Amino acid sequence: MGLTEQLFGNGAERFSDCVEIKIAELNEKHKDFLSKEKIDLSTAYMISFGQSGSGRVGFGRTQDISPEIDSEIDKILHECAEKHLQKL
């Protein structure tokens, strides 16, 4: 069982869909820059647990791309997580 399923249970698929759709939209919006830099947005973010079993969930980027795109990735991850955690 993956981390997403552990966090969101039955809502994991909806969470994943939310992130994938929004990342695809972001990819399309910045396709010229991303293709020029050979950047794949699907590997530009990660989900992590807080320290020492605090139960906190973190969403972060695995690489810095540009201030604008980095900010948009952070926003996507937090919005999708908040939306689906409220439904649990």
C-alpha atoms as a PDB file:
ATOM      1  CA  MET A   1       0.000   0.000   0.000  1.00  0.00           C
ATOM      2  CA  GLY A   2       1.461   3.341  -1.017  1.00  0.00           C
ATOM      3  CA  LEU A   3       1.764   6.420   1.128  1.00  0.00           C
ATOM      4  CA  THR A   4      -1.102   8.167  -0.661  1.00  0.00           C
ATOM      5  CA  GLU A   5      -3.439   5.261   0.113  1.00  0.00           C
ATOM      6  CA  GLN A   6      -2.339   5.244   3.757  1.00  0.00           C
ATOM      7  CA  LEU A   7      -3.078   8.957   4.086  1.00  0.00           C
ATOM      8  CA  PHE A   8      -6.309   9.235   2.145  1.00  0.00           C
ATOM      9  CA  GLY A   9      -7.764   5.725   2.194  1.00  0.00           C
ATOM     10  CA  ASN A  10     -10.627   5.483  -0.274  1.00  0.00           C
ATOM     11  CA  GLY A  11     -10.042   9.126  -1.245  1.00  0.00           C
ATOM     12  CA  ALA A  12      -6.522   8.353  -2.501  1.00  0.00           C
ATOM     13  CA  GLU A  13      -7.619   7.998  -6.105  1.00  0.00           C
ATOM     14  CA  ARG A  14      -9.505  11.300  -6.032  1.00  0.00           C
ATOM     15  CA  PHE A  15      -6.489  13.013  -4.423  1.00  0.00           C
ATOM     16  CA  SER A  16      -4.136  11.552  -7.033  1.00  0.00           C
ATOM     17  CA  ASP A  17      -6.497  12.568  -9.831  1.00  0.00           C
ATOM     18  CA  CYS A  18      -6.712  16.099  -8.435  1.00  0.00           C
ATOM     19  CA  VAL A  19      -2.923  16.441  -8.345  1.00  0.00           C
ATOM     20  CA  GLU A  20      -2.365  14.795 -11.736  1.00  0.00           C
ATOM     21  CA  ILE A  21      -4.973  16.962 -13.484  1.00  0.00           C
ATOM     22  CA  LYS A  22      -3.660  20.187 -11.993  1.00  0.00           C
ATOM     23  CA  ILE A  23      -0.013  19.260 -12.667  1.00  0.00           C
ATOM     24  CA  ALA A  24      -0.955  18.450 -16.285  1.00  0.00           C
ATOM     25  CA  GLU A  25      -2.592  21.880 -16.579  1.00  0.00           C
ATOM     26  CA  LEU A  26       0.510  23.496 -15.106  1.00  0.00           C
ATOM     27  CA  ASN A  27       2.688  21.498 -17.490  1.00  0.00           C
ATOM     28  CA  GLU A  28       0.644  22.749 -20.454  1.00  0.00           C
ATOM     29  CA  LYS A  29       0.796  26.333 -19.203  1.00  0.00           C
ATOM     30  CA  HIS A  30       4.609  26.251 -18.985  1.00  0.00           C
ATOM     31  CA  LYS A  31       5.333  23.667 -21.714  1.00  0.00           C
ATOM     32  CA  ASP A  32       7.795  25.827 -23.660  1.00  0.00           C
ATOM     33  CA  PHE A  33       9.980  26.522 -20.627  1.00  0.00           C
ATOM     34  CA  LEU A  34       9.727  22.973 -19.268  1.00  0.00           C
ATOM     35  CA  SER A  35      10.584  21.268 -22.558  1.00  0.00           C
ATOM     36  CA  LYS A  36      13.515  23.606 -23.100  1.00  0.00           C
ATOM     37  CA  GLU A  37      14.838  22.777 -19.622  1.00  0.00           C
ATOM     38  CA  LYS A  38      13.903  19.063 -19.955  1.00  0.00           C
ATOM     39  CA  ILE A  39      11.841  19.123 -16.753  1.00  0.00           C
ATOM     40  CA  ASP A  40       9.116  16.576 -15.975  1.00  0.00           C
ATOM     41  CA  LEU A  41       6.630  18.033 -13.487  1.00  0.00           C
ATOM     42  CA  SER A  42       5.329  14.599 -12.518  1.00  0.00           C
ATOM     43  CA  THR A  43       8.590  14.031 -10.606  1.00  0.00           C
ATOM     44  CA  ALA A  44       8.858  17.556  -9.206  1.00  0.00           C
ATOM     45  CA  TYR A  45       6.903  16.946  -5.983  1.00  0.00           C
ATOM     46  CA  MET A  46       6.686  14.466  -3.097  1.00  0.00           C
ATOM     47  CA  ILE A  47       4.592  13.589  -0.075  1.00  0.00           C
ATOM     48  CA  SER A  48       6.286  13.084   3.297  1.00  0.00           C
ATOM     49  CA  PHE A  49       5.463  12.502   6.963  1.00  0.00           C
ATOM     50  CA  GLY A  50       6.418  14.925   9.724  1.00  0.00           C
ATOM     51  CA  GLN A  51       9.313  14.261  12.077  1.00  0.00           C
ATOM     52  CA  SER A  52       9.210  11.807  14.968  1.00  0.00           C
ATOM     53  CA  GLY A  53       5.762  10.445  14.229  1.00  0.00           C
ATOM     54  CA  SER A  54       4.096  13.808  14.726  1.00  0.00           C
ATOM     55  CA  GLY A  55       1.378  12.748  12.304  1.00  0.00           C
ATOM     56  CA  ARG A  56       1.935  15.799  10.153  1.00  0.00           C
ATOM     57  CA  VAL A  57       1.947  15.329   6.428  1.00  0.00           C
ATOM     58  CA  GLY A  58       4.244  17.367   4.239  1.00  0.00           C
ATOM     59  CA  PHE A  59       3.987  18.149   0.577  1.00  0.00           C
ATOM     60  CA  GLY A  60       7.050  19.492  -1.091  1.00  0.00           C
ATOM     61  CA  ARG A  61       9.014  19.847  -4.260  1.00  0.00           C
ATOM     62  CA  THR A  62      11.904  17.542  -5.090  1.00  0.00           C
ATOM     63  CA  GLN A  63      13.606  20.253  -7.115  1.00  0.00           C
ATOM     64  CA  ASP A  64      13.509  23.988  -7.619  1.00  0.00           C
ATOM     65  CA  ILE A  65      12.287  24.916 -11.083  1.00  0.00           C
ATOM     66  CA  SER A  66      11.379  28.596 -11.021  1.00  0.00           C
ATOM     67  CA  PRO A  67       9.785  30.737  -8.319  1.00  0.00           C
ATOM     68  CA  GLU A  68       6.471  30.889 -10.203  1.00  0.00           C
ATOM     69  CA  ILE A  69       6.238  27.171 -11.001  1.00  0.00           C
ATOM     70  CA  ASP A  70       7.494  26.154  -7.541  1.00  0.00           C
ATOM     71  CA  SER A  71       4.784  28.271  -5.936  1.00  0.00           C
ATOM     72  CA  GLU A  72       2.121  26.783  -8.210  1.00  0.00           C
ATOM     73  CA  ILE A  73       3.195  23.203  -7.388  1.00  0.00           C
ATOM     74  CA  ASP A  74       3.074  23.965  -3.650  1.00  0.00           C
ATOM     75  CA  LYS A  75      -0.394  25.461  -4.052  1.00  0.00           C
ATOM     76  CA  ILE A  76      -1.675  22.447  -6.037  1.00  0.00           C
ATOM     77  CA  LEU A  77      -0.441  19.945  -3.453  1.00  0.00           C
ATOM     78  CA  HIS A  78      -1.894  21.834  -0.513  1.00  0.00           C
ATOM     79  CA  GLU A  79      -5.239  22.568  -2.188  1.00  0.00           C
ATOM     80  CA  CYS A  80      -5.778  18.953  -3.263  1.00  0.00           C
ATOM     81  CA  ALA A  81      -4.755  17.624   0.157  1.00  0.00           C
ATOM     82  CA  GLU A  82      -6.965  20.058   2.037  1.00  0.00           C
ATOM     83  CA  LYS A  83      -9.925  19.329  -0.235  1.00  0.00           C
ATOM     84  CA  HIS A  84      -9.672  15.570   0.266  1.00  0.00           C
ATOM     85  CA  LEU A  85      -8.752  15.571   3.958  1.00  0.00           C
ATOM     86  CA  GLN A  86     -11.913  17.551   4.684  1.00  0.00           C
ATOM     87  CA  LYS A  87     -13.945  14.759   3.057  1.00  0.00           C
ATOM     88  CA  LEU A  88     -12.467  12.043   5.300  1.00  0.00           C
END
